[in-house]
């Protein structure tokens, strides 16, 4: 089964929940692209499993999971230098 490019972004005020969400994204092999944004490639079944797991981690806040077609992802434009986000 083909993998899809996916972006996960979240707005969570609780530090503990935010940390758990970021660790979950890393566990699924996603790369941090900004403080509250991860991206990578996942199989559709893994996207559903990730969504279910993330839903269980938060009581308040918002998480957005965006699958992106490969040709659209290849046309993305990145502006500026990447920032290291190893501290969260």
PDB file of N, CA and C in Angstrom:
ATOM      1  N   UNK A   1       0.841  -1.176   0.000  1.00  0.00           N
ATOM      2  CA  UNK A   1       0.000   0.000   0.000  1.00  0.00           C
ATOM      3  C   UNK A   1       0.885   1.237   0.000  1.00  0.00           C
ATOM      4  N   UNK A   2       0.537   2.207  -0.816  1.00  0.00           N
ATOM      5  CA  UNK A   2       1.336   3.422  -0.928  1.00  0.00           C
ATOM      6  C   UNK A   2       1.254   4.264   0.330  1.00  0.00           C
ATOM      7  N   UNK A   3       2.328   4.926   0.600  1.00  0.00           N
ATOM      8  CA  UNK A   3       2.364   5.875   1.709  1.00  0.00           C
ATOM      9  C   UNK A   3       1.900   7.232   1.208  1.00  0.00           C
ATOM     10  N   UNK A   4       1.310   8.000   2.099  1.00  0.00           N
ATOM     11  CA  UNK A   4       0.879   9.354   1.781  1.00  0.00           C
ATOM     12  C   UNK A   4       1.736  10.336   2.568  1.00  0.00           C
ATOM     13  N   UNK A   5       2.024  11.460   1.952  1.00  0.00           N
ATOM     14  CA  UNK A   5       2.664  12.533   2.710  1.00  0.00           C
ATOM     15  C   UNK A   5       1.607  13.084   3.651  1.00  0.00           C
ATOM     16  N   UNK A   6       1.982  13.364   4.870  1.00  0.00           N
ATOM     17  CA  UNK A   6       1.023  13.853   5.852  1.00  0.00           C
ATOM     18  C   UNK A   6       1.654  14.977   6.661  1.00  0.00           C
ATOM     19  N   UNK A   7       0.828  15.956   7.011  1.00  0.00           N
ATOM     20  CA  UNK A   7       1.232  17.029   7.913  1.00  0.00           C
ATOM     21  C   UNK A   7       0.341  16.933   9.138  1.00  0.00           C
ATOM     22  N   UNK A   8       0.946  16.997  10.306  1.00  0.00           N
ATOM     23  CA  UNK A   8       0.207  17.029  11.565  1.00  0.00           C
ATOM     24  C   UNK A   8       0.546  18.350  12.244  1.00  0.00           C
ATOM     25  N   UNK A   9      -0.472  19.120  12.556  1.00  0.00           N
ATOM     26  CA  UNK A   9      -0.276  20.389  13.245  1.00  0.00           C
ATOM     27  C   UNK A   9      -1.220  20.437  14.436  1.00  0.00           C
ATOM     28  N   UNK A  10      -0.798  21.099  15.486  1.00  0.00           N
ATOM     29  CA  UNK A  10      -1.630  21.123  16.680  1.00  0.00           C
ATOM     30  C   UNK A  10      -1.477  22.426  17.438  1.00  0.00           C
ATOM     31  N   UNK A  11      -2.527  22.741  18.200  1.00  0.00           N
ATOM     32  CA  UNK A  11      -2.559  23.899  19.083  1.00  0.00           C
ATOM     33  C   UNK A  11      -3.077  23.386  20.425  1.00  0.00           C
ATOM     34  N   UNK A  12      -2.164  23.129  21.328  1.00  0.00           N
ATOM     35  CA  UNK A  12      -2.489  22.542  22.624  1.00  0.00           C
ATOM     36  C   UNK A  12      -1.782  23.362  23.699  1.00  0.00           C
ATOM     37  N   UNK A  13      -2.553  23.892  24.649  1.00  0.00           N
ATOM     38  CA  UNK A  13      -1.947  24.757  25.664  1.00  0.00           C
ATOM     39  C   UNK A  13      -1.313  23.978  26.814  1.00  0.00           C
ATOM     40  N   UNK A  14      -1.797  22.782  27.110  1.00  0.00           N
ATOM     41  CA  UNK A  14      -1.253  21.998  28.222  1.00  0.00           C
ATOM     42  C   UNK A  14       0.103  21.400  27.846  1.00  0.00           C
ATOM     43  N   UNK A  15       1.134  21.754  28.602  1.00  0.00           N
ATOM     44  CA  UNK A  15       2.494  21.304  28.300  1.00  0.00           C
ATOM     45  C   UNK A  15       2.613  19.787  28.227  1.00  0.00           C
ATOM     46  N   UNK A  16       2.034  19.094  29.202  1.00  0.00           N
ATOM     47  CA  UNK A  16       2.158  17.634  29.263  1.00  0.00           C
ATOM     48  C   UNK A  16       1.512  16.974  28.045  1.00  0.00           C
ATOM     49  N   UNK A  17       0.310  17.409  27.689  1.00  0.00           N
ATOM     50  CA  UNK A  17      -0.385  16.850  26.523  1.00  0.00           C
ATOM     51  C   UNK A  17       0.364  17.186  25.243  1.00  0.00           C
ATOM     52  N   UNK A  18       0.861  18.414  25.149  1.00  0.00           N
ATOM     53  CA  UNK A  18       1.603  18.830  23.951  1.00  0.00           C
ATOM     54  C   UNK A  18       2.855  17.972  23.773  1.00  0.00           C
ATOM     55  N   UNK A  19       3.542  17.694  24.875  1.00  0.00           N
ATOM     56  CA  UNK A  19       4.736  16.853  24.815  1.00  0.00           C
ATOM     57  C   UNK A  19       4.377  15.429  24.376  1.00  0.00           C
ATOM     58  N   UNK A  20       3.294  14.881  24.919  1.00  0.00           N
ATOM     59  CA  UNK A  20       2.867  13.534  24.536  1.00  0.00           C
ATOM     60  C   UNK A  20       2.510  13.464  23.053  1.00  0.00           C
ATOM     61  N   UNK A  21       1.858  14.499  22.541  1.00  0.00           N
ATOM     62  CA  UNK A  21       1.507  14.528  21.119  1.00  0.00           C
ATOM     63  C   UNK A  21       2.769  14.569  20.267  1.00  0.00           C
ATOM     64  N   UNK A  22       3.728  15.401  20.634  1.00  0.00           N
ATOM     65  CA  UNK A  22       4.961  15.474  19.846  1.00  0.00           C
ATOM     66  C   UNK A  22       5.720  14.148  19.892  1.00  0.00           C
ATOM     67  N   UNK A  23       5.760  13.488  21.046  1.00  0.00           N
ATOM     68  CA  UNK A  23       6.428  12.188  21.152  1.00  0.00           C
ATOM     69  C   UNK A  23       5.715  11.134  20.304  1.00  0.00           C
ATOM     70  N   UNK A  24       4.398  11.175  20.271  1.00  0.00           N
ATOM     71  CA  UNK A  24       3.627  10.233  19.460  1.00  0.00           C
ATOM     72  C   UNK A  24       3.955  10.424  17.976  1.00  0.00           C
ATOM     73  N   UNK A  25       4.014  11.668  17.540  1.00  0.00           N
ATOM     74  CA  UNK A  25       4.354  11.947  16.138  1.00  0.00           C
ATOM     75  C   UNK A  25       5.744  11.411  15.806  1.00  0.00           C
ATOM     76  N   UNK A  26       6.687  11.619  16.708  1.00  0.00           N
ATOM     77  CA  UNK A  26       8.042  11.105  16.500  1.00  0.00           C
ATOM     78  C   UNK A  26       8.043   9.581  16.463  1.00  0.00           C
ATOM     79  N   UNK A  27       7.234   8.950  17.325  1.00  0.00           N
ATOM     80  CA  UNK A  27       7.140   7.489  17.342  1.00  0.00           C
ATOM     81  C   UNK A  27       6.647   6.932  16.010  1.00  0.00           C
ATOM     82  N   UNK A  28       5.833   7.699  15.303  1.00  0.00           N
ATOM     83  CA  UNK A  28       5.339   7.277  13.999  1.00  0.00           C
ATOM     84  C   UNK A  28       6.308   7.634  12.870  1.00  0.00           C
ATOM     85  N   UNK A  29       7.461   8.164  13.226  1.00  0.00           N
ATOM     86  CA  UNK A  29       8.486   8.460  12.231  1.00  0.00           C
ATOM     87  C   UNK A  29       8.322   9.796  11.539  1.00  0.00           C
ATOM     88  N   UNK A  30       7.469  10.658  12.083  1.00  0.00           N
ATOM     89  CA  UNK A  30       7.289  11.979  11.480  1.00  0.00           C
ATOM     90  C   UNK A  30       8.423  12.896  11.914  1.00  0.00           C
ATOM     91  N   UNK A  31       8.744  13.865  11.079  1.00  0.00           N
ATOM     92  CA  UNK A  31       9.805  14.832  11.359  1.00  0.00           C
ATOM     93  C   UNK A  31       9.187  16.145  11.792  1.00  0.00           C
ATOM     94  N   UNK A  32       9.784  16.754  12.807  1.00  0.00           N
ATOM     95  CA  UNK A  32       9.319  18.074  13.245  1.00  0.00           C
ATOM     96  C   UNK A  32       9.771  19.115  12.215  1.00  0.00           C
ATOM     97  N   UNK A  33       8.829  19.907  11.720  1.00  0.00           N
ATOM     98  CA  UNK A  33       9.176  20.962  10.776  1.00  0.00           C
ATOM     99  C   UNK A  33       9.029  22.343  11.400  1.00  0.00           C
ATOM    100  N   UNK A  34       8.188  22.456  12.408  1.00  0.00           N
ATOM    101  CA  UNK A  34       8.051  23.658  13.231  1.00  0.00           C
ATOM    102  C   UNK A  34       7.685  23.179  14.630  1.00  0.00           C
ATOM    103  N   UNK A  35       7.575  24.086  15.594  1.00  0.00           N
ATOM    104  CA  UNK A  35       7.319  23.651  16.975  1.00  0.00           C
ATOM    105  C   UNK A  35       6.089  22.769  17.093  1.00  0.00           C
ATOM    106  N   UNK A  36       5.020  23.098  16.417  1.00  0.00           N
ATOM    107  CA  UNK A  36       3.785  22.327  16.513  1.00  0.00           C
ATOM    108  C   UNK A  36       3.372  21.738  15.174  1.00  0.00           C
ATOM    109  N   UNK A  37       4.346  21.431  14.337  1.00  0.00           N
ATOM    110  CA  UNK A  37       4.067  20.873  13.012  1.00  0.00           C
ATOM    111  C   UNK A  37       5.034  19.729  12.723  1.00  0.00           C
ATOM    112  N   UNK A  38       4.476  18.606  12.315  1.00  0.00           N
ATOM    113  CA  UNK A  38       5.262  17.440  11.915  1.00  0.00           C
ATOM    114  C   UNK A  38       4.863  17.036  10.502  1.00  0.00           C
ATOM    115  N   UNK A  39       5.770  16.391   9.786  1.00  0.00           N
ATOM    116  CA  UNK A  39       5.434  15.875   8.458  1.00  0.00           C
ATOM    117  C   UNK A  39       6.215  14.594   8.202  1.00  0.00           C
ATOM    118  N   UNK A  40       5.710  13.830   7.263  1.00  0.00           N
ATOM    119  CA  UNK A  40       6.362  12.586   6.886  1.00  0.00           C
ATOM    120  C   UNK A  40       5.422  11.753   6.041  1.00  0.00           C
ATOM    121  N   UNK A  41       5.819  10.517   5.792  1.00  0.00           N
ATOM    122  CA  UNK A  41       5.008   9.613   4.981  1.00  0.00           C
ATOM    123  C   UNK A  41       4.483   8.474   5.848  1.00  0.00           C
ATOM    124  N   UNK A  42       3.182   8.220   5.718  1.00  0.00           N
ATOM    125  CA  UNK A  42       2.542   7.141   6.453  1.00  0.00           C
ATOM    126  C   UNK A  42       1.580   6.396   5.549  1.00  0.00           C
ATOM    127  N   UNK A  43       1.384   5.122   5.842  1.00  0.00           N
ATOM    128  CA  UNK A  43       0.340   4.357   5.169  1.00  0.00           C
ATOM    129  C   UNK A  43      -1.013   4.843   5.697  1.00  0.00           C
ATOM    130  N   UNK A  44      -2.064   4.756   4.884  1.00  0.00           N
ATOM    131  CA  UNK A  44      -3.388   5.188   5.354  1.00  0.00           C
ATOM    132  C   UNK A  44      -3.814   4.524   6.667  1.00  0.00           C
ATOM    133  N   UNK A  45      -3.476   3.257   6.855  1.00  0.00           N
ATOM    134  CA  UNK A  45      -3.837   2.588   8.110  1.00  0.00           C
ATOM    135  C   UNK A  45      -3.100   3.204   9.298  1.00  0.00           C
ATOM    136  N   UNK A  46      -1.865   3.644   9.073  1.00  0.00           N
ATOM    137  CA  UNK A  46      -1.102   4.282  10.141  1.00  0.00           C
ATOM    138  C   UNK A  46      -1.624   5.684  10.431  1.00  0.00           C
ATOM    139  N   UNK A  47      -2.143   6.364   9.412  1.00  0.00           N
ATOM    140  CA  UNK A  47      -2.742   7.682   9.636  1.00  0.00           C
ATOM    141  C   UNK A  47      -3.954   7.537  10.553  1.00  0.00           C
ATOM    142  N   UNK A  48      -4.784   6.537  10.288  1.00  0.00           N
ATOM    143  CA  UNK A  48      -5.962   6.307  11.130  1.00  0.00           C
ATOM    144  C   UNK A  48      -5.556   5.929  12.555  1.00  0.00           C
ATOM    145  N   UNK A  49      -4.540   5.079  12.680  1.00  0.00           N
ATOM    146  CA  UNK A  49      -4.069   4.679  14.012  1.00  0.00           C
ATOM    147  C   UNK A  49      -3.481   5.874  14.765  1.00  0.00           C
ATOM    148  N   UNK A  50      -2.735   6.712  14.064  1.00  0.00           N
ATOM    149  CA  UNK A  50      -2.167   7.912  14.673  1.00  0.00           C
ATOM    150  C   UNK A  50      -3.281   8.829  15.168  1.00  0.00           C
ATOM    151  N   UNK A  51      -4.300   9.027  14.347  1.00  0.00           N
ATOM    152  CA  UNK A  51      -5.412   9.896  14.731  1.00  0.00           C
ATOM    153  C   UNK A  51      -6.089   9.379  15.996  1.00  0.00           C
ATOM    154  N   UNK A  52      -6.300   8.099  16.063  1.00  0.00           N
ATOM    155  CA  UNK A  52      -6.944   7.494  17.230  1.00  0.00           C
ATOM    156  C   UNK A  52      -6.074   7.672  18.475  1.00  0.00           C
ATOM    157  N   UNK A  53      -4.785   7.460  18.324  1.00  0.00           N
ATOM    158  CA  UNK A  53      -3.873   7.594  19.453  1.00  0.00           C
ATOM    159  C   UNK A  53      -3.784   9.044  19.917  1.00  0.00           C
ATOM    160  N   UNK A  54      -3.716   9.989  18.972  1.00  0.00           N
ATOM    161  CA  UNK A  54      -3.642  11.401  19.331  1.00  0.00           C
ATOM    162  C   UNK A  54      -4.919  11.856  20.025  1.00  0.00           C
ATOM    163  N   UNK A  55      -6.046  11.379  19.551  1.00  0.00           N
ATOM    164  CA  UNK A  55      -7.325  11.753  20.157  1.00  0.00           C
ATOM    165  C   UNK A  55      -7.365  11.369  21.638  1.00  0.00           C
ATOM    166  N   UNK A  56      -6.768  10.251  21.973  1.00  0.00           N
ATOM    167  CA  UNK A  56      -6.757   9.788  23.360  1.00  0.00           C
ATOM    168  C   UNK A  56      -5.819  10.600  24.252  1.00  0.00           C
ATOM    169  N   UNK A  57      -4.910  11.366  23.634  1.00  0.00           N
ATOM    170  CA  UNK A  57      -3.910  12.092  24.413  1.00  0.00           C
ATOM    171  C   UNK A  57      -4.352  13.476  24.865  1.00  0.00           C
ATOM    172  N   UNK A  58      -5.382  14.018  24.234  1.00  0.00           N
ATOM    173  CA  UNK A  58      -5.747  15.391  24.570  1.00  0.00           C
ATOM    174  C   UNK A  58      -7.180  15.476  25.092  1.00  0.00           C
ATOM    175  N   UNK A  59      -7.366  16.377  26.046  1.00  0.00           N
ATOM    176  CA  UNK A  59      -8.702  16.698  26.532  1.00  0.00           C
ATOM    177  C   UNK A  59      -9.142  18.030  25.955  1.00  0.00           C
ATOM    178  N   UNK A  60      -8.195  18.933  25.791  1.00  0.00           N
ATOM    179  CA  UNK A  60      -8.455  20.242  25.200  1.00  0.00           C
ATOM    180  C   UNK A  60      -7.388  20.512  24.150  1.00  0.00           C
ATOM    181  N   UNK A  61      -7.742  21.290  23.180  1.00  0.00           N
ATOM    182  CA  UNK A  61      -6.803  21.627  22.122  1.00  0.00           C
ATOM    183  C   UNK A  61      -7.320  21.152  20.781  1.00  0.00           C
ATOM    184  N   UNK A  62      -6.485  21.279  19.774  1.00  0.00           N
ATOM    185  CA  UNK A  62      -6.891  20.963  18.410  1.00  0.00           C
ATOM    186  C   UNK A  62      -5.712  20.340  17.676  1.00  0.00           C
ATOM    187  N   UNK A  63      -5.986  19.257  16.971  1.00  0.00           N
ATOM    188  CA  UNK A  63      -4.978  18.592  16.140  1.00  0.00           C
ATOM    189  C   UNK A  63      -5.546  18.475  14.738  1.00  0.00           C
ATOM    190  N   UNK A  64      -4.749  18.802  13.748  1.00  0.00           N
ATOM    191  CA  UNK A  64      -5.151  18.709  12.352  1.00  0.00           C
ATOM    192  C   UNK A  64      -4.182  17.782  11.629  1.00  0.00           C
ATOM    193  N   UNK A  65      -4.709  16.734  10.999  1.00  0.00           N
ATOM    194  CA  UNK A  65      -3.908  15.791  10.217  1.00  0.00           C
ATOM    195  C   UNK A  65      -4.298  15.982   8.761  1.00  0.00           C
ATOM    196  N   UNK A  66      -3.321  16.334   7.927  1.00  0.00           N
ATOM    197  CA  UNK A  66      -3.598  16.669   6.535  1.00  0.00           C
ATOM    198  C   UNK A  66      -2.829  15.732   5.613  1.00  0.00           C
ATOM    199  N   UNK A  67      -3.507  14.794   4.939  1.00  0.00           N
ATOM    200  CA  UNK A  67      -2.826  13.984   3.923  1.00  0.00           C
ATOM    201  C   UNK A  67      -2.690  14.810   2.639  1.00  0.00           C
ATOM    202  N   UNK A  68      -1.568  14.640   1.977  1.00  0.00           N
ATOM    203  CA  UNK A  68      -1.278  15.443   0.783  1.00  0.00           C
ATOM    204  C   UNK A  68      -0.852  14.526  -0.347  1.00  0.00           C
ATOM    205  N   UNK A  69      -1.428  14.734  -1.511  1.00  0.00           N
ATOM    206  CA  UNK A  69      -1.044  13.958  -2.688  1.00  0.00           C
ATOM    207  C   UNK A  69       0.433  14.211  -3.007  1.00  0.00           C
ATOM    208  N   UNK A  70       1.116  13.159  -3.458  1.00  0.00           N
ATOM    209  CA  UNK A  70       2.558  13.241  -3.718  1.00  0.00           C
ATOM    210  C   UNK A  70       2.913  14.379  -4.676  1.00  0.00           C
ATOM    211  N   UNK A  71       2.164  14.537  -5.762  1.00  0.00           N
ATOM    212  CA  UNK A  71       2.507  15.587  -6.725  1.00  0.00           C
ATOM    213  C   UNK A  71       2.301  16.979  -6.130  1.00  0.00           C
ATOM    214  N   UNK A  72       1.320  17.145  -5.240  1.00  0.00           N
ATOM    215  CA  UNK A  72       1.145  18.433  -4.578  1.00  0.00           C
ATOM    216  C   UNK A  72       2.290  18.702  -3.614  1.00  0.00           C
ATOM    217  N   UNK A  73       2.716  17.675  -2.870  1.00  0.00           N
ATOM    218  CA  UNK A  73       3.828  17.845  -1.936  1.00  0.00           C
ATOM    219  C   UNK A  73       5.104  18.215  -2.673  1.00  0.00           C
ATOM    220  N   UNK A  74       5.337  17.631  -3.829  1.00  0.00           N
ATOM    221  CA  UNK A  74       6.555  17.919  -4.594  1.00  0.00           C
ATOM    222  C   UNK A  74       6.563  19.349  -5.122  1.00  0.00           C
ATOM    223  N   UNK A  75       5.401  19.967  -5.225  1.00  0.00           N
ATOM    224  CA  UNK A  75       5.315  21.363  -5.701  1.00  0.00           C
ATOM    225  C   UNK A  75       5.355  22.377  -4.553  1.00  0.00           C
ATOM    226  N   UNK A  76       5.565  21.913  -3.318  1.00  0.00           N
ATOM    227  CA  UNK A  76       5.586  22.827  -2.174  1.00  0.00           C
ATOM    228  C   UNK A  76       6.733  23.822  -2.315  1.00  0.00           C
ATOM    229  N   UNK A  77       6.590  24.928  -1.650  1.00  0.00           N
ATOM    230  CA  UNK A  77       7.637  25.951  -1.623  1.00  0.00           C
ATOM    231  C   UNK A  77       8.024  26.190  -0.177  1.00  0.00           C
ATOM    232  N   UNK A  78       9.296  26.095   0.099  1.00  0.00           N
ATOM    233  CA  UNK A  78       9.801  26.357   1.438  1.00  0.00           C
ATOM    234  C   UNK A  78      10.647  27.615   1.377  1.00  0.00           C
ATOM    235  N   UNK A  79      10.381  28.515   2.303  1.00  0.00           N
ATOM    236  CA  UNK A  79      11.066  29.805   2.311  1.00  0.00           C
ATOM    237  C   UNK A  79      11.768  29.978   3.654  1.00  0.00           C
ATOM    238  N   UNK A  80      13.011  30.385   3.627  1.00  0.00           N
ATOM    239  CA  UNK A  80      13.747  30.621   4.869  1.00  0.00           C
ATOM    240  C   UNK A  80      14.540  29.379   5.279  1.00  0.00           C
ATOM    241  N   UNK A  81      15.277  29.540   6.356  1.00  0.00           N
ATOM    242  CA  UNK A  81      16.124  28.474   6.871  1.00  0.00           C
ATOM    243  C   UNK A  81      15.340  27.627   7.845  1.00  0.00           C
ATOM    244  N   UNK A  82      15.645  26.326   7.872  1.00  0.00           N
ATOM    245  CA  UNK A  82      15.041  25.437   8.847  1.00  0.00           C
ATOM    246  C   UNK A  82      15.591  25.754  10.225  1.00  0.00           C
ATOM    247  N   UNK A  83      14.731  25.609  11.229  1.00  0.00           N
ATOM    248  CA  UNK A  83      15.122  25.870  12.606  1.00  0.00           C
ATOM    249  C   UNK A  83      15.129  24.540  13.352  1.00  0.00           C
ATOM    250  N   UNK A  84      16.150  24.319  14.171  1.00  0.00           N
ATOM    251  CA  UNK A  84      16.219  23.093  14.959  1.00  0.00           C
ATOM    252  C   UNK A  84      15.225  23.180  16.105  1.00  0.00           C
ATOM    253  N   UNK A  85      14.425  22.101  16.287  1.00  0.00           N
ATOM    254  CA  UNK A  85      13.404  22.070  17.337  1.00  0.00           C
ATOM    255  C   UNK A  85      13.648  20.896  18.258  1.00  0.00           C
ATOM    256  N   UNK A  86      14.886  20.657  18.614  1.00  0.00           N
ATOM    257  CA  UNK A  86      15.247  19.506  19.439  1.00  0.00           C
ATOM    258  C   UNK A  86      14.878  19.695  20.913  1.00  0.00           C
ATOM    259  N   UNK A  87      14.508  20.912  21.314  1.00  0.00           N
ATOM    260  CA  UNK A  87      14.293  21.173  22.731  1.00  0.00           C
ATOM    261  C   UNK A  87      12.899  20.847  23.227  1.00  0.00           C
ATOM    262  N   UNK A  88      11.936  20.501  22.361  1.00  0.00           N
ATOM    263  CA  UNK A  88      10.580  20.184  22.823  1.00  0.00           C
ATOM    264  C   UNK A  88      10.326  18.710  22.786  1.00  0.00           C
TER     265      UNK A  88
END
